[in-house]
Amino acid sequence: MTNHKSALVLIDLQKESNFGLDDMNHVLDNAQKIIPAFREADIPIIYTRQINREDTIGLSKDEPLNEDGTPYFYNDATDQIEIFDEIQPSENDVVINKYRWSAFFDTSLDLMLKSLDVEHLYIGGVVTDGCLMTSVFDAYFRDYQINLIHDLCTASNEGAHQAAMLNMTNWVYNLKIFSTDELIKKLNGKEYNYFKADQVDQMQFTADTMEAKFKEITNPQQSTTD
């Protein structure tokens, strides 16, 4: 796979630890695998960072605060806003700071993608049911084709992660879902598997069926080569 109007967008892979994210080490391991594969394929990489000013200027309404009145999450006076050391951006990567959940809200992300002539987004990051999901929906509303890397995402609990993944599958009509390993196969021009819904609201679920439905999208049978 060559750079055919594509980019990798990594949402908020930062040192912020107050969320207690589920299996974050696994996400980081996959990020360490996927980033070199995209660099080797000469596909642009864009990182986002959530930022909350220590003085709370621009802070979302009722954002959680510490006892001293500073932001509880992503305080810019701490190293919690920094991208993990293991996956630091290179000098050619783009880093975009944001002050709301969606990576597209009042940022330059759309401008950067358009300047790179990007139509296909490969996206992963945290948290699945917050900044990641809102960014996916906003990307879809801007007419990008979305490729979600499911094991490069996580949330504070498994239920939130699975429900968010299924909701995106149901309502982002051009969405394809990859695992890290299958996407690397695609980048290398090999046969790969992915999931794409055949119809609207295909993965309807209840509390009792959610896990089984989630396994359907993360263990796909559709196989192809580009």
C-alpha atoms as a PDB file:
ATOM      1  CA  MET A   1       0.000   0.000   0.000  1.00  0.00           C
ATOM      2  CA  THR A   2       1.333   3.426  -0.904  1.00  0.00           C
ATOM      3  CA  ASN A   3       0.156   6.838   0.187  1.00  0.00           C
ATOM      4  CA  HIS A   4      -3.113   6.959  -1.743  1.00  0.00           C
ATOM      5  CA  LYS A   5      -4.746   9.928  -0.028  1.00  0.00           C
ATOM      6  CA  SER A   6      -4.358   8.365   3.440  1.00  0.00           C
ATOM      7  CA  ALA A   7      -3.231   9.403   6.911  1.00  0.00           C
ATOM      8  CA  LEU A   8      -2.900   7.823  10.356  1.00  0.00           C
ATOM      9  CA  VAL A   9      -4.545   9.871  13.139  1.00  0.00           C
ATOM     10  CA  LEU A  10      -3.644   8.948  16.721  1.00  0.00           C
ATOM     11  CA  ILE A  11      -6.012  10.395  19.304  1.00  0.00           C
ATOM     12  CA  ASP A  12      -4.601  11.475  22.683  1.00  0.00           C
ATOM     13  CA  LEU A  13      -2.014   8.771  23.318  1.00  0.00           C
ATOM     14  CA  GLN A  14      -0.789  10.798  26.276  1.00  0.00           C
ATOM     15  CA  LYS A  15       0.568  10.086  29.752  1.00  0.00           C
ATOM     16  CA  GLU A  16      -2.711  11.110  31.458  1.00  0.00           C
ATOM     17  CA  SER A  17      -3.371   8.297  33.940  1.00  0.00           C
ATOM     18  CA  ASN A  18      -6.417   9.473  35.904  1.00  0.00           C
ATOM     19  CA  PHE A  19      -8.857   7.613  33.644  1.00  0.00           C
ATOM     20  CA  GLY A  20      -7.578   4.184  34.651  1.00  0.00           C
ATOM     21  CA  LEU A  21      -7.757   3.010  31.049  1.00  0.00           C
ATOM     22  CA  ASP A  22      -8.259  -0.701  30.460  1.00  0.00           C
ATOM     23  CA  ASP A  23      -5.201  -2.566  29.058  1.00  0.00           C
ATOM     24  CA  MET A  24      -3.399   0.608  27.946  1.00  0.00           C
ATOM     25  CA  ASN A  25      -0.129  -1.325  27.702  1.00  0.00           C
ATOM     26  CA  HIS A  26      -1.647  -3.426  24.907  1.00  0.00           C
ATOM     27  CA  VAL A  27      -2.679  -0.259  23.059  1.00  0.00           C
ATOM     28  CA  LEU A  28       0.858   1.099  23.367  1.00  0.00           C
ATOM     29  CA  ASP A  29       2.340  -2.165  22.130  1.00  0.00           C
ATOM     30  CA  ASN A  30       0.135  -1.968  19.037  1.00  0.00           C
ATOM     31  CA  ALA A  31       0.987   1.686  18.497  1.00  0.00           C
ATOM     32  CA  GLN A  32       4.662   0.763  18.548  1.00  0.00           C
ATOM     33  CA  LYS A  33       3.964  -1.769  15.789  1.00  0.00           C
ATOM     34  CA  ILE A  34       1.692   0.320  13.589  1.00  0.00           C
ATOM     35  CA  ILE A  35       3.604   3.619  13.589  1.00  0.00           C
ATOM     36  CA  PRO A  36       6.764   2.237  11.913  1.00  0.00           C
ATOM     37  CA  ALA A  37       4.591   0.443   9.345  1.00  0.00           C
ATOM     38  CA  PHE A  38       2.939   3.725   8.347  1.00  0.00           C
ATOM     39  CA  ARG A  39       6.292   5.516   8.254  1.00  0.00           C
ATOM     40  CA  GLU A  40       7.722   2.811   6.018  1.00  0.00           C
ATOM     41  CA  ALA A  41       4.706   3.184   3.731  1.00  0.00           C
ATOM     42  CA  ASP A  42       5.314   6.963   3.655  1.00  0.00           C
ATOM     43  CA  ILE A  43       1.820   7.714   4.963  1.00  0.00           C
ATOM     44  CA  PRO A  44       1.475  10.888   7.077  1.00  0.00           C
ATOM     45  CA  ILE A  45       1.006  10.514  10.828  1.00  0.00           C
ATOM     46  CA  ILE A  46      -0.930  13.027  12.899  1.00  0.00           C
ATOM     47  CA  TYR A  47      -1.031  13.006  16.699  1.00  0.00           C
ATOM     48  CA  THR A  48      -3.577  14.891  18.788  1.00  0.00           C
ATOM     49  CA  ARG A  49      -3.148  16.041  22.383  1.00  0.00           C
ATOM     50  CA  GLN A  50      -5.963  16.992  24.749  1.00  0.00           C
ATOM     51  CA  ILE A  51      -4.982  20.124  26.690  1.00  0.00           C
ATOM     52  CA  ASN A  52      -6.575  21.764  29.721  1.00  0.00           C
ATOM     53  CA  ARG A  53      -4.963  25.006  30.849  1.00  0.00           C
ATOM     54  CA  GLU A  54      -3.871  25.056  34.479  1.00  0.00           C
ATOM     55  CA  ASP A  55      -5.635  28.404  34.947  1.00  0.00           C
ATOM     56  CA  THR A  56      -8.850  26.779  33.548  1.00  0.00           C
ATOM     57  CA  ILE A  57      -9.265  29.356  30.769  1.00  0.00           C
ATOM     58  CA  GLY A  58     -11.224  27.661  27.985  1.00  0.00           C
ATOM     59  CA  LEU A  59     -12.103  24.675  30.158  1.00  0.00           C
ATOM     60  CA  SER A  60     -15.304  22.746  29.368  1.00  0.00           C
ATOM     61  CA  LYS A  61     -18.236  23.485  31.662  1.00  0.00           C
ATOM     62  CA  ASP A  62     -18.149  21.429  34.878  1.00  0.00           C
ATOM     63  CA  GLU A  63     -14.859  19.778  33.912  1.00  0.00           C
ATOM     64  CA  PRO A  64     -13.546  17.865  36.975  1.00  0.00           C
ATOM     65  CA  LEU A  65     -11.162  19.889  39.132  1.00  0.00           C
ATOM     66  CA  ASN A  66      -8.611  19.140  41.803  1.00  0.00           C
ATOM     67  CA  GLU A  67      -9.070  20.578  45.306  1.00  0.00           C
ATOM     68  CA  ASP A  68      -6.816  23.500  44.358  1.00  0.00           C
ATOM     69  CA  GLY A  69      -9.080  24.384  41.396  1.00  0.00           C
ATOM     70  CA  THR A  70      -6.758  23.087  38.672  1.00  0.00           C
ATOM     71  CA  PRO A  71      -7.972  20.641  36.002  1.00  0.00           C
ATOM     72  CA  TYR A  72      -8.077  17.012  37.089  1.00  0.00           C
ATOM     73  CA  PHE A  73      -7.437  15.735  33.552  1.00  0.00           C
ATOM     74  CA  TYR A  74      -4.786  16.860  31.040  1.00  0.00           C
ATOM     75  CA  ASN A  75      -3.420  19.678  33.192  1.00  0.00           C
ATOM     76  CA  ASP A  76      -0.931  21.526  30.989  1.00  0.00           C
ATOM     77  CA  ALA A  77       1.293  22.237  33.994  1.00  0.00           C
ATOM     78  CA  THR A  78       2.030  18.499  34.261  1.00  0.00           C
ATOM     79  CA  ASP A  79       3.616  15.887  32.032  1.00  0.00           C
ATOM     80  CA  GLN A  80       0.187  14.218  31.701  1.00  0.00           C
ATOM     81  CA  ILE A  81      -0.340  16.100  28.432  1.00  0.00           C
ATOM     82  CA  GLU A  82       2.798  14.620  26.851  1.00  0.00           C
ATOM     83  CA  ILE A  83       2.687  11.798  24.307  1.00  0.00           C
ATOM     84  CA  PHE A  84       4.097   8.530  25.606  1.00  0.00           C
ATOM     85  CA  ASP A  85       7.882   8.297  25.293  1.00  0.00           C
ATOM     86  CA  GLU A  86       7.651   4.990  23.408  1.00  0.00           C
ATOM     87  CA  ILE A  87       5.738   6.556  20.501  1.00  0.00           C
ATOM     88  CA  GLN A  88       7.115  10.081  20.326  1.00  0.00           C
ATOM     89  CA  PRO A  89       6.355  11.940  17.077  1.00  0.00           C
ATOM     90  CA  SER A  90       9.128  12.353  14.549  1.00  0.00           C
ATOM     91  CA  GLU A  91      10.048  15.756  13.149  1.00  0.00           C
ATOM     92  CA  ASN A  92       7.895  15.097  10.077  1.00  0.00           C
ATOM     93  CA  ASP A  93       4.762  14.171  12.030  1.00  0.00           C
ATOM     94  CA  VAL A  94       2.000  16.668  12.802  1.00  0.00           C
ATOM     95  CA  VAL A  95       0.941  17.313  16.418  1.00  0.00           C
ATOM     96  CA  ILE A  96      -2.376  19.080  17.010  1.00  0.00           C
ATOM     97  CA  ASN A  97      -3.487  20.397  20.392  1.00  0.00           C
ATOM     98  CA  LYS A  98      -7.192  20.390  21.147  1.00  0.00           C
ATOM     99  CA  TYR A  99      -9.357  21.739  23.948  1.00  0.00           C
ATOM    100  CA  ARG A 100     -12.492  19.663  23.417  1.00  0.00           C
ATOM    101  CA  TRP A 101     -13.060  15.953  22.843  1.00  0.00           C
ATOM    102  CA  SER A 102     -13.326  15.908  19.065  1.00  0.00           C
ATOM    103  CA  ALA A 103     -10.038  16.343  17.229  1.00  0.00           C
ATOM    104  CA  PHE A 104     -11.910  18.439  14.660  1.00  0.00           C
ATOM    105  CA  PHE A 105     -13.506  20.963  17.042  1.00  0.00           C
ATOM    106  CA  ASP A 106     -11.761  24.355  16.633  1.00  0.00           C
ATOM    107  CA  THR A 107      -8.481  22.747  15.521  1.00  0.00           C
ATOM    108  CA  SER A 108      -6.438  22.728  12.330  1.00  0.00           C
ATOM    109  CA  LEU A 109      -6.879  18.986  11.749  1.00  0.00           C
ATOM    110  CA  ASP A 110      -9.278  19.290   8.815  1.00  0.00           C
ATOM    111  CA  LEU A 111      -7.034  21.923   7.218  1.00  0.00           C
ATOM    112  CA  MET A 112      -3.971  19.697   7.614  1.00  0.00           C
ATOM    113  CA  LEU A 113      -5.729  16.687   6.138  1.00  0.00           C
ATOM    114  CA  LYS A 114      -7.029  18.660   3.173  1.00  0.00           C
ATOM    115  CA  SER A 115      -3.574  20.107   2.523  1.00  0.00           C
ATOM    116  CA  LEU A 116      -2.266  16.527   2.405  1.00  0.00           C
ATOM    117  CA  ASP A 117      -5.101  15.580   0.021  1.00  0.00           C
ATOM    118  CA  VAL A 118      -6.305  12.927   2.470  1.00  0.00           C
ATOM    119  CA  GLU A 119      -9.550  11.048   1.908  1.00  0.00           C
ATOM    120  CA  HIS A 120      -8.949   7.888   3.969  1.00  0.00           C
ATOM    121  CA  LEU A 121      -8.340   8.116   7.714  1.00  0.00           C
ATOM    122  CA  TYR A 122      -6.805   5.313   9.749  1.00  0.00           C
ATOM    123  CA  ILE A 123      -7.616   6.153  13.333  1.00  0.00           C
ATOM    124  CA  GLY A 124      -7.031   4.876  16.848  1.00  0.00           C
ATOM    125  CA  GLY A 125      -6.618   6.291  20.322  1.00  0.00           C
ATOM    126  CA  VAL A 126      -8.389   7.040  23.566  1.00  0.00           C
ATOM    127  CA  VAL A 127     -10.840   7.092  25.032  1.00  0.00           C
ATOM    128  CA  THR A 128     -13.055   4.965  22.808  1.00  0.00           C
ATOM    129  CA  ASP A 129     -16.356   6.351  24.086  1.00  0.00           C
ATOM    130  CA  GLY A 130     -15.137   9.961  24.292  1.00  0.00           C
ATOM    131  CA  CYS A 131     -12.450  11.691  22.253  1.00  0.00           C
ATOM    132  CA  LEU A 132     -12.021   8.778  19.834  1.00  0.00           C
ATOM    133  CA  MET A 133     -15.710   8.318  19.039  1.00  0.00           C
ATOM    134  CA  THR A 134     -16.492  12.027  18.708  1.00  0.00           C
ATOM    135  CA  SER A 135     -13.502  12.425  16.383  1.00  0.00           C
ATOM    136  CA  VAL A 136     -14.689   9.499  14.240  1.00  0.00           C
ATOM    137  CA  PHE A 137     -18.180  10.957  13.876  1.00  0.00           C
ATOM    138  CA  ASP A 138     -16.813  14.416  13.053  1.00  0.00           C
ATOM    139  CA  ALA A 139     -14.454  12.909  10.464  1.00  0.00           C
ATOM    140  CA  TYR A 140     -17.385  11.104   8.872  1.00  0.00           C
ATOM    141  CA  PHE A 141     -19.418  14.319   8.777  1.00  0.00           C
ATOM    142  CA  ARG A 142     -16.505  15.871   6.854  1.00  0.00           C
ATOM    143  CA  ASP A 143     -16.713  13.103   4.240  1.00  0.00           C
ATOM    144  CA  TYR A 144     -13.591  11.147   5.144  1.00  0.00           C
ATOM    145  CA  GLN A 145     -13.633   7.371   4.739  1.00  0.00           C
ATOM    146  CA  ILE A 146     -12.887   5.918   8.174  1.00  0.00           C
ATOM    147  CA  ASN A 147     -10.721   2.905   9.042  1.00  0.00           C
ATOM    148  CA  LEU A 148     -10.832   2.182  12.763  1.00  0.00           C
ATOM    149  CA  ILE A 149      -8.030   0.195  14.412  1.00  0.00           C
ATOM    150  CA  HIS A 150      -9.976  -1.522  17.174  1.00  0.00           C
ATOM    151  CA  ASP A 151      -7.049  -2.784  19.260  1.00  0.00           C
ATOM    152  CA  LEU A 152      -5.442   0.653  19.169  1.00  0.00           C
ATOM    153  CA  CYS A 153      -8.381   1.977  21.232  1.00  0.00           C
ATOM    154  CA  THR A 154      -9.464   1.558  24.837  1.00  0.00           C
ATOM    155  CA  ALA A 155     -11.757   3.033  27.480  1.00  0.00           C
ATOM    156  CA  SER A 156     -12.040   3.021  31.264  1.00  0.00           C
ATOM    157  CA  ASN A 157     -14.032  -0.223  31.118  1.00  0.00           C
ATOM    158  CA  GLU A 158     -14.751  -2.994  28.639  1.00  0.00           C
ATOM    159  CA  GLY A 159     -18.469  -2.261  28.384  1.00  0.00           C
ATOM    160  CA  ALA A 160     -17.916   1.365  27.369  1.00  0.00           C
ATOM    161  CA  HIS A 161     -15.341   0.308  24.792  1.00  0.00           C
ATOM    162  CA  GLN A 162     -17.548  -2.370  23.254  1.00  0.00           C
ATOM    163  CA  ALA A 163     -20.680  -0.213  23.164  1.00  0.00           C
ATOM    164  CA  ALA A 164     -18.828   2.682  21.515  1.00  0.00           C
ATOM    165  CA  MET A 165     -17.304   0.383  18.918  1.00  0.00           C
ATOM    166  CA  LEU A 166     -20.702  -1.096  18.074  1.00  0.00           C
ATOM    167  CA  ASN A 167     -22.361   2.323  17.859  1.00  0.00           C
ATOM    168  CA  MET A 168     -19.706   3.539  15.421  1.00  0.00           C
ATOM    169  CA  THR A 169     -20.143   0.351  13.395  1.00  0.00           C
ATOM    170  CA  ASN A 170     -23.886   0.937  13.180  1.00  0.00           C
ATOM    171  CA  TRP A 171     -23.885   4.598  12.176  1.00  0.00           C
ATOM    172  CA  VAL A 172     -20.625   5.435  10.370  1.00  0.00           C
ATOM    173  CA  TYR A 173     -21.740   3.974   7.089  1.00  0.00           C
ATOM    174  CA  ASN A 174     -18.331   3.886   5.358  1.00  0.00           C
ATOM    175  CA  LEU A 175     -16.470   2.487   8.371  1.00  0.00           C
ATOM    176  CA  LYS A 176     -14.022  -0.401   8.082  1.00  0.00           C
ATOM    177  CA  ILE A 177     -12.597  -2.041  11.203  1.00  0.00           C
ATOM    178  CA  PHE A 178      -9.090  -3.515  11.380  1.00  0.00           C
ATOM    179  CA  SER A 179      -6.840  -5.094  13.954  1.00  0.00           C
ATOM    180  CA  THR A 180      -3.272  -3.825  14.099  1.00  0.00           C
ATOM    181  CA  ASP A 181      -1.868  -7.030  12.612  1.00  0.00           C
ATOM    182  CA  GLU A 182      -4.376  -7.150   9.750  1.00  0.00           C
ATOM    183  CA  LEU A 183      -3.765  -3.499   8.904  1.00  0.00           C
ATOM    184  CA  ILE A 184      -0.019  -4.116   8.761  1.00  0.00           C
ATOM    185  CA  LYS A 185      -0.731  -6.909   6.277  1.00  0.00           C
ATOM    186  CA  LYS A 186      -2.685  -4.398   4.172  1.00  0.00           C
ATOM    187  CA  LEU A 187       0.184  -1.901   4.343  1.00  0.00           C
ATOM    188  CA  ASN A 188       2.541  -4.633   3.159  1.00  0.00           C
ATOM    189  CA  GLY A 189       0.330  -5.627   0.223  1.00  0.00           C
ATOM    190  CA  LYS A 190      -0.683  -8.971   1.711  1.00  0.00           C
ATOM    191  CA  GLU A 191      -4.122 -10.534   2.062  1.00  0.00           C
ATOM    192  CA  TYR A 192      -5.905  -9.125   5.098  1.00  0.00           C
ATOM    193  CA  ASN A 193      -9.191  -9.345   6.986  1.00  0.00           C
ATOM    194  CA  TYR A 194     -11.440  -6.478   8.034  1.00  0.00           C
ATOM    195  CA  PHE A 195     -15.036  -5.851   9.056  1.00  0.00           C
ATOM    196  CA  LYS A 196     -17.587  -3.637   7.336  1.00  0.00           C
ATOM    197  CA  ALA A 197     -21.288  -3.639   8.095  1.00  0.00           C
ATOM    198  CA  ASP A 198     -23.557  -4.685   5.230  1.00  0.00           C
ATOM    199  CA  GLN A 199     -26.498  -2.560   6.332  1.00  0.00           C
ATOM    200  CA  VAL A 200     -27.535   0.256   8.647  1.00  0.00           C
ATOM    201  CA  ASP A 201     -27.751  -0.557  12.368  1.00  0.00           C
ATOM    202  CA  GLN A 202     -26.599  -4.092  11.657  1.00  0.00           C
ATOM    203  CA  MET A 203     -24.980  -4.704  15.035  1.00  0.00           C
ATOM    204  CA  GLN A 204     -27.949  -4.032  17.295  1.00  0.00           C
ATOM    205  CA  PHE A 205     -27.189  -5.261  20.789  1.00  0.00           C
ATOM    206  CA  THR A 206     -28.504  -5.635  24.308  1.00  0.00           C
ATOM    207  CA  ALA A 207     -26.615  -5.949  27.576  1.00  0.00           C
ATOM    208  CA  ASP A 208     -26.753  -9.717  27.099  1.00  0.00           C
ATOM    209  CA  THR A 209     -25.595  -9.785  23.461  1.00  0.00           C
ATOM    210  CA  MET A 210     -23.046  -6.947  23.416  1.00  0.00           C
ATOM    211  CA  GLU A 211     -19.950  -9.079  23.911  1.00  0.00           C
ATOM    212  CA  ALA A 212     -20.954 -11.555  21.194  1.00  0.00           C
ATOM    213  CA  LYS A 213     -21.703  -8.717  18.750  1.00  0.00           C
ATOM    214  CA  PHE A 214     -18.381  -7.097  19.585  1.00  0.00           C
ATOM    215  CA  LYS A 215     -16.568 -10.348  18.769  1.00  0.00           C
ATOM    216  CA  GLU A 216     -18.225 -10.334  15.339  1.00  0.00           C
ATOM    217  CA  ILE A 217     -16.617  -7.022  14.405  1.00  0.00           C
ATOM    218  CA  THR A 218     -13.216  -7.858  15.866  1.00  0.00           C
ATOM    219  CA  ASN A 219     -12.988 -11.347  14.306  1.00  0.00           C
ATOM    220  CA  PRO A 220     -14.047 -10.630  10.726  1.00  0.00           C
ATOM    221  CA  GLN A 221     -14.332 -13.057   7.847  1.00  0.00           C
ATOM    222  CA  GLN A 222     -14.039 -10.569   4.986  1.00  0.00           C
ATOM    223  CA  SER A 223     -10.673 -11.116   3.296  1.00  0.00           C
ATOM    224  CA  THR A 224      -9.127  -9.184   0.458  1.00  0.00           C
ATOM    225  CA  THR A 225      -6.004  -7.671  -1.079  1.00  0.00           C
ATOM    226  CA  ASP A 226      -5.721  -4.230  -2.616  1.00  0.00           C
END
